[in-house]
């Protein structure tokens, strides 16, 4: 069976040296001329979560019945648990924005 290419690999000494050299550069010294500017129009094409899939953890949580019913009735084709997760993620983002 072929070994998966998704496994973590250690960097070679040369690769690590190249990364260290880049890390030592000031932002202004890095040539970004070949990278297009991100405009609002380009952001409309962005898709969240296409590459990153957070690890899910099963938990038991006690919620008020009316809260649970609301999420179940407003799930819009996705599971209510996904909607609860999204609501919690938005709440955390808002709190981080306020404190940061």
N, C-alpha and C. Protein backbone atom coordinates (compact mmCIF):
# COMPACT_ATOMS: atom_id res chain seq x y z
N UNK A 1 0.84 -1.18 0.00
CA UNK A 1 0.00 0.00 0.00
C UNK A 1 0.88 1.24 0.00
N UNK A 2 0.52 2.23 -0.82
CA UNK A 2 1.31 3.45 -0.94
C UNK A 2 1.17 4.32 0.30
N UNK A 3 2.29 4.89 0.75
CA UNK A 3 2.28 5.75 1.93
C UNK A 3 1.60 7.08 1.59
N UNK A 4 0.80 7.59 2.50
CA UNK A 4 0.07 8.84 2.29
C UNK A 4 1.02 10.02 2.24
N UNK A 5 0.75 10.97 1.33
CA UNK A 5 1.54 12.19 1.24
C UNK A 5 1.11 13.23 2.26
N UNK A 6 0.08 12.96 3.02
CA UNK A 6 -0.43 13.94 3.97
C UNK A 6 0.22 13.83 5.35
N UNK A 7 1.08 12.87 5.54
CA UNK A 7 1.74 12.71 6.83
C UNK A 7 2.76 13.83 7.02
N UNK A 8 2.97 14.22 8.27
CA UNK A 8 3.95 15.25 8.58
C UNK A 8 5.34 14.74 8.28
N UNK A 9 6.15 15.63 7.71
CA UNK A 9 7.53 15.27 7.44
C UNK A 9 8.42 16.31 8.10
N UNK A 10 9.57 15.88 8.56
CA UNK A 10 10.53 16.81 9.13
C UNK A 10 11.19 17.59 8.00
N UNK A 11 11.54 18.83 8.31
CA UNK A 11 12.23 19.65 7.33
C UNK A 11 13.70 19.26 7.27
N UNK A 12 14.27 19.38 6.08
CA UNK A 12 15.72 19.16 5.96
C UNK A 12 16.42 20.38 6.56
N UNK A 13 17.71 20.26 6.80
CA UNK A 13 18.48 21.39 7.33
C UNK A 13 18.42 22.57 6.37
N UNK A 14 18.49 22.29 5.07
CA UNK A 14 18.43 23.35 4.06
C UNK A 14 17.08 24.07 4.08
N UNK A 15 16.01 23.29 4.15
CA UNK A 15 14.67 23.88 4.21
C UNK A 15 14.51 24.75 5.46
N UNK A 16 14.98 24.26 6.60
CA UNK A 16 14.88 25.02 7.83
C UNK A 16 15.70 26.30 7.75
N UNK A 17 16.90 26.22 7.14
CA UNK A 17 17.75 27.40 6.98
C UNK A 17 17.07 28.44 6.10
N UNK A 18 16.40 27.99 5.02
CA UNK A 18 15.68 28.92 4.15
C UNK A 18 14.53 29.60 4.89
N UNK A 19 13.80 28.83 5.68
CA UNK A 19 12.70 29.41 6.47
C UNK A 19 13.22 30.40 7.51
N UNK A 20 14.32 30.06 8.14
CA UNK A 20 14.92 30.97 9.14
C UNK A 20 15.37 32.27 8.48
N UNK A 21 15.95 32.17 7.28
CA UNK A 21 16.40 33.37 6.56
C UNK A 21 15.21 34.25 6.19
N UNK A 22 14.12 33.65 5.75
CA UNK A 22 12.91 34.41 5.43
C UNK A 22 12.33 35.06 6.68
N UNK A 23 12.34 34.34 7.77
CA UNK A 23 11.81 34.86 9.03
C UNK A 23 12.60 36.07 9.52
N UNK A 24 13.89 36.09 9.21
CA UNK A 24 14.74 37.18 9.66
C UNK A 24 14.56 38.45 8.82
N UNK A 25 13.97 38.34 7.63
CA UNK A 25 13.77 39.51 6.76
C UNK A 25 12.68 40.42 7.31
N UNK A 26 12.88 41.72 7.13
CA UNK A 26 11.82 42.68 7.44
C UNK A 26 10.73 42.54 6.39
N UNK A 27 9.48 42.82 6.74
CA UNK A 27 8.38 42.70 5.78
C UNK A 27 8.63 43.49 4.51
N UNK A 28 9.22 44.68 4.64
CA UNK A 28 9.47 45.55 3.49
C UNK A 28 10.50 44.95 2.54
N UNK A 29 11.34 44.05 3.02
CA UNK A 29 12.40 43.46 2.21
C UNK A 29 11.91 42.27 1.39
N UNK A 30 10.70 41.84 1.63
CA UNK A 30 10.17 40.67 0.92
C UNK A 30 9.47 41.15 -0.35
N UNK A 31 9.90 40.60 -1.49
CA UNK A 31 9.33 40.97 -2.79
C UNK A 31 7.99 40.25 -2.97
N UNK A 32 6.92 41.03 -2.97
CA UNK A 32 5.57 40.47 -3.16
C UNK A 32 4.97 40.92 -4.49
N UNK A 33 5.82 41.37 -5.42
CA UNK A 33 5.33 41.91 -6.69
C UNK A 33 4.61 40.85 -7.53
N UNK A 34 4.89 39.59 -7.31
CA UNK A 34 4.24 38.54 -8.09
C UNK A 34 2.96 38.02 -7.44
N UNK A 35 2.56 38.66 -6.34
CA UNK A 35 1.34 38.25 -5.63
C UNK A 35 0.29 39.33 -5.86
N UNK A 36 -0.84 38.99 -6.48
CA UNK A 36 -1.86 40.02 -6.76
C UNK A 36 -2.49 40.55 -5.48
N UNK A 37 -2.84 41.83 -5.50
CA UNK A 37 -3.52 42.47 -4.38
C UNK A 37 -4.90 41.84 -4.21
N UNK A 38 -5.32 41.60 -3.00
CA UNK A 38 -6.64 41.06 -2.73
C UNK A 38 -7.62 42.23 -2.64
N UNK A 39 -8.57 42.24 -3.56
CA UNK A 39 -9.58 43.30 -3.58
C UNK A 39 -10.89 42.75 -3.01
N UNK A 40 -11.83 43.64 -2.76
CA UNK A 40 -13.15 43.20 -2.27
C UNK A 40 -13.80 42.23 -3.25
N UNK A 41 -13.61 42.46 -4.56
CA UNK A 41 -14.17 41.56 -5.56
C UNK A 41 -13.60 40.15 -5.44
N UNK A 42 -12.31 40.08 -5.17
CA UNK A 42 -11.69 38.75 -5.01
C UNK A 42 -12.18 38.05 -3.75
N UNK A 43 -12.41 38.83 -2.68
CA UNK A 43 -12.89 38.23 -1.43
C UNK A 43 -14.26 37.59 -1.60
N UNK A 44 -15.06 38.09 -2.53
CA UNK A 44 -16.38 37.49 -2.75
C UNK A 44 -16.26 36.06 -3.27
N UNK A 45 -15.11 35.73 -3.85
CA UNK A 45 -14.88 34.38 -4.37
C UNK A 45 -14.32 33.43 -3.31
N UNK A 46 -13.92 33.97 -2.17
CA UNK A 46 -13.33 33.15 -1.11
C UNK A 46 -14.36 32.18 -0.54
N UNK A 47 -13.90 31.01 -0.19
CA UNK A 47 -14.77 29.99 0.40
C UNK A 47 -14.17 29.55 1.72
N UNK A 48 -14.92 29.70 2.78
CA UNK A 48 -14.45 29.34 4.12
C UNK A 48 -14.51 27.83 4.31
N UNK A 49 -13.46 27.32 4.93
CA UNK A 49 -13.46 25.91 5.32
C UNK A 49 -13.19 24.91 4.22
N UNK A 50 -12.72 25.36 3.06
CA UNK A 50 -12.45 24.43 1.97
C UNK A 50 -11.25 23.52 2.27
N UNK A 51 -10.27 24.06 2.98
CA UNK A 51 -9.07 23.28 3.26
C UNK A 51 -8.96 22.88 4.72
N UNK A 52 -9.49 23.69 5.59
CA UNK A 52 -9.35 23.45 7.02
C UNK A 52 -10.60 22.78 7.56
N UNK A 53 -10.41 21.68 8.22
CA UNK A 53 -11.52 20.98 8.87
C UNK A 53 -11.16 20.81 10.34
N UNK A 54 -11.78 21.59 11.22
CA UNK A 54 -11.44 21.47 12.63
C UNK A 54 -11.83 20.10 13.17
N UNK A 55 -11.09 19.65 14.15
CA UNK A 55 -11.39 18.38 14.80
C UNK A 55 -12.65 18.57 15.65
N UNK A 56 -13.60 17.69 15.46
CA UNK A 56 -14.84 17.74 16.25
C UNK A 56 -14.67 16.87 17.49
N UNK A 57 -15.25 17.34 18.57
CA UNK A 57 -15.19 16.59 19.82
C UNK A 57 -16.61 16.42 20.32
N UNK A 58 -16.96 15.21 20.65
CA UNK A 58 -18.29 14.92 21.16
C UNK A 58 -18.39 15.36 22.62
N UNK A 59 -19.43 16.13 22.94
CA UNK A 59 -19.66 16.59 24.31
C UNK A 59 -21.13 16.43 24.65
N UNK A 60 -21.41 16.45 25.92
CA UNK A 60 -22.79 16.49 26.40
C UNK A 60 -22.99 17.86 27.01
N UNK A 61 -24.04 18.54 26.55
CA UNK A 61 -24.31 19.89 27.04
C UNK A 61 -25.80 20.01 27.30
N UNK A 62 -26.16 20.66 28.37
CA UNK A 62 -27.56 20.83 28.71
C UNK A 62 -27.98 22.24 28.29
N UNK A 63 -28.97 22.31 27.40
CA UNK A 63 -29.47 23.58 26.90
C UNK A 63 -30.94 23.73 27.27
N UNK A 64 -31.38 24.96 27.39
CA UNK A 64 -32.80 25.20 27.62
C UNK A 64 -33.59 24.66 26.42
N UNK A 65 -34.73 24.08 26.68
CA UNK A 65 -35.53 23.44 25.63
C UNK A 65 -35.89 24.41 24.51
N UNK A 66 -36.22 25.67 24.85
CA UNK A 66 -36.60 26.62 23.82
C UNK A 66 -35.42 27.00 22.92
N UNK A 67 -34.23 27.04 23.49
CA UNK A 67 -33.03 27.33 22.70
C UNK A 67 -32.79 26.20 21.71
N UNK A 68 -32.84 24.98 22.19
CA UNK A 68 -32.62 23.82 21.33
C UNK A 68 -33.67 23.76 20.23
N UNK A 69 -34.92 24.00 20.58
CA UNK A 69 -35.99 23.98 19.58
C UNK A 69 -35.78 25.04 18.50
N UNK A 70 -35.32 26.22 18.93
CA UNK A 70 -35.09 27.29 17.96
C UNK A 70 -34.01 26.87 16.96
N UNK A 71 -32.91 26.31 17.45
CA UNK A 71 -31.85 25.89 16.55
C UNK A 71 -32.33 24.77 15.63
N UNK A 72 -33.10 23.84 16.15
CA UNK A 72 -33.61 22.76 15.31
C UNK A 72 -34.53 23.29 14.22
N UNK A 73 -35.34 24.30 14.53
CA UNK A 73 -36.29 24.82 13.55
C UNK A 73 -35.66 25.80 12.56
N UNK A 74 -34.47 26.31 12.86
CA UNK A 74 -33.81 27.28 11.99
C UNK A 74 -32.53 26.73 11.34
N UNK A 75 -32.39 25.44 11.28
CA UNK A 75 -31.14 24.83 10.80
C UNK A 75 -30.91 25.03 9.30
N UNK A 76 -31.91 25.33 8.52
CA UNK A 76 -31.80 25.62 7.09
C UNK A 76 -31.03 24.55 6.31
N UNK A 77 -31.44 23.33 6.42
CA UNK A 77 -30.85 22.26 5.64
C UNK A 77 -29.62 21.62 6.26
N UNK A 78 -28.98 22.30 7.21
CA UNK A 78 -27.85 21.70 7.90
C UNK A 78 -28.34 21.25 9.26
N UNK A 79 -27.54 20.47 9.93
CA UNK A 79 -27.91 20.00 11.24
C UNK A 79 -27.92 21.12 12.26
N UNK A 80 -28.77 20.98 13.25
CA UNK A 80 -28.87 22.02 14.29
C UNK A 80 -27.58 22.12 15.09
N UNK A 81 -26.84 21.02 15.22
CA UNK A 81 -25.58 21.08 15.94
C UNK A 81 -24.56 21.95 15.21
N UNK A 82 -24.59 21.88 13.88
CA UNK A 82 -23.73 22.75 13.07
C UNK A 82 -24.10 24.20 13.29
N UNK A 83 -25.39 24.49 13.37
CA UNK A 83 -25.84 25.86 13.60
C UNK A 83 -25.42 26.36 14.98
N UNK A 84 -25.51 25.51 15.98
CA UNK A 84 -25.06 25.89 17.33
C UNK A 84 -23.56 26.17 17.30
N UNK A 85 -22.80 25.31 16.63
CA UNK A 85 -21.35 25.50 16.51
C UNK A 85 -21.04 26.83 15.82
N UNK A 86 -21.76 27.14 14.73
CA UNK A 86 -21.54 28.39 14.01
C UNK A 86 -21.87 29.60 14.88
N UNK A 87 -22.94 29.51 15.66
CA UNK A 87 -23.33 30.61 16.55
C UNK A 87 -22.25 30.83 17.61
N UNK A 88 -21.72 29.76 18.16
CA UNK A 88 -20.66 29.88 19.15
C UNK A 88 -19.38 30.45 18.54
N UNK A 89 -19.08 30.04 17.31
CA UNK A 89 -17.89 30.55 16.62
C UNK A 89 -18.03 32.05 16.36
N UNK A 90 -19.23 32.49 15.93
CA UNK A 90 -19.47 33.94 15.70
C UNK A 90 -19.34 34.71 17.02
N UNK A 91 -19.86 34.15 18.09
CA UNK A 91 -19.78 34.80 19.40
C UNK A 91 -18.32 34.97 19.83
N UNK A 92 -17.53 33.91 19.65
CA UNK A 92 -16.12 33.98 20.03
C UNK A 92 -15.39 35.02 19.18
N UNK A 93 -15.66 35.05 17.87
CA UNK A 93 -15.03 36.04 17.00
C UNK A 93 -15.36 37.45 17.44
N UNK A 94 -16.61 37.69 17.82
CA UNK A 94 -17.03 39.01 18.29
C UNK A 94 -16.33 39.38 19.58
N UNK A 95 -16.19 38.42 20.49
CA UNK A 95 -15.50 38.69 21.76
C UNK A 95 -14.03 38.99 21.53
N UNK A 96 -13.41 38.26 20.61
CA UNK A 96 -12.00 38.50 20.29
C UNK A 96 -11.82 39.87 19.66
N UNK A 97 -12.77 40.27 18.82
CA UNK A 97 -12.71 41.58 18.18
C UNK A 97 -12.80 42.69 19.23
N UNK A 98 -13.66 42.51 20.22
CA UNK A 98 -13.83 43.50 21.28
C UNK A 98 -12.60 43.62 22.19
N UNK A 99 -11.99 42.46 22.46
CA UNK A 99 -10.86 42.47 23.40
C UNK A 99 -9.53 42.73 22.71
N UNK A 100 -9.49 42.55 21.40
CA UNK A 100 -8.22 42.65 20.70
C UNK A 100 -7.97 43.97 20.16
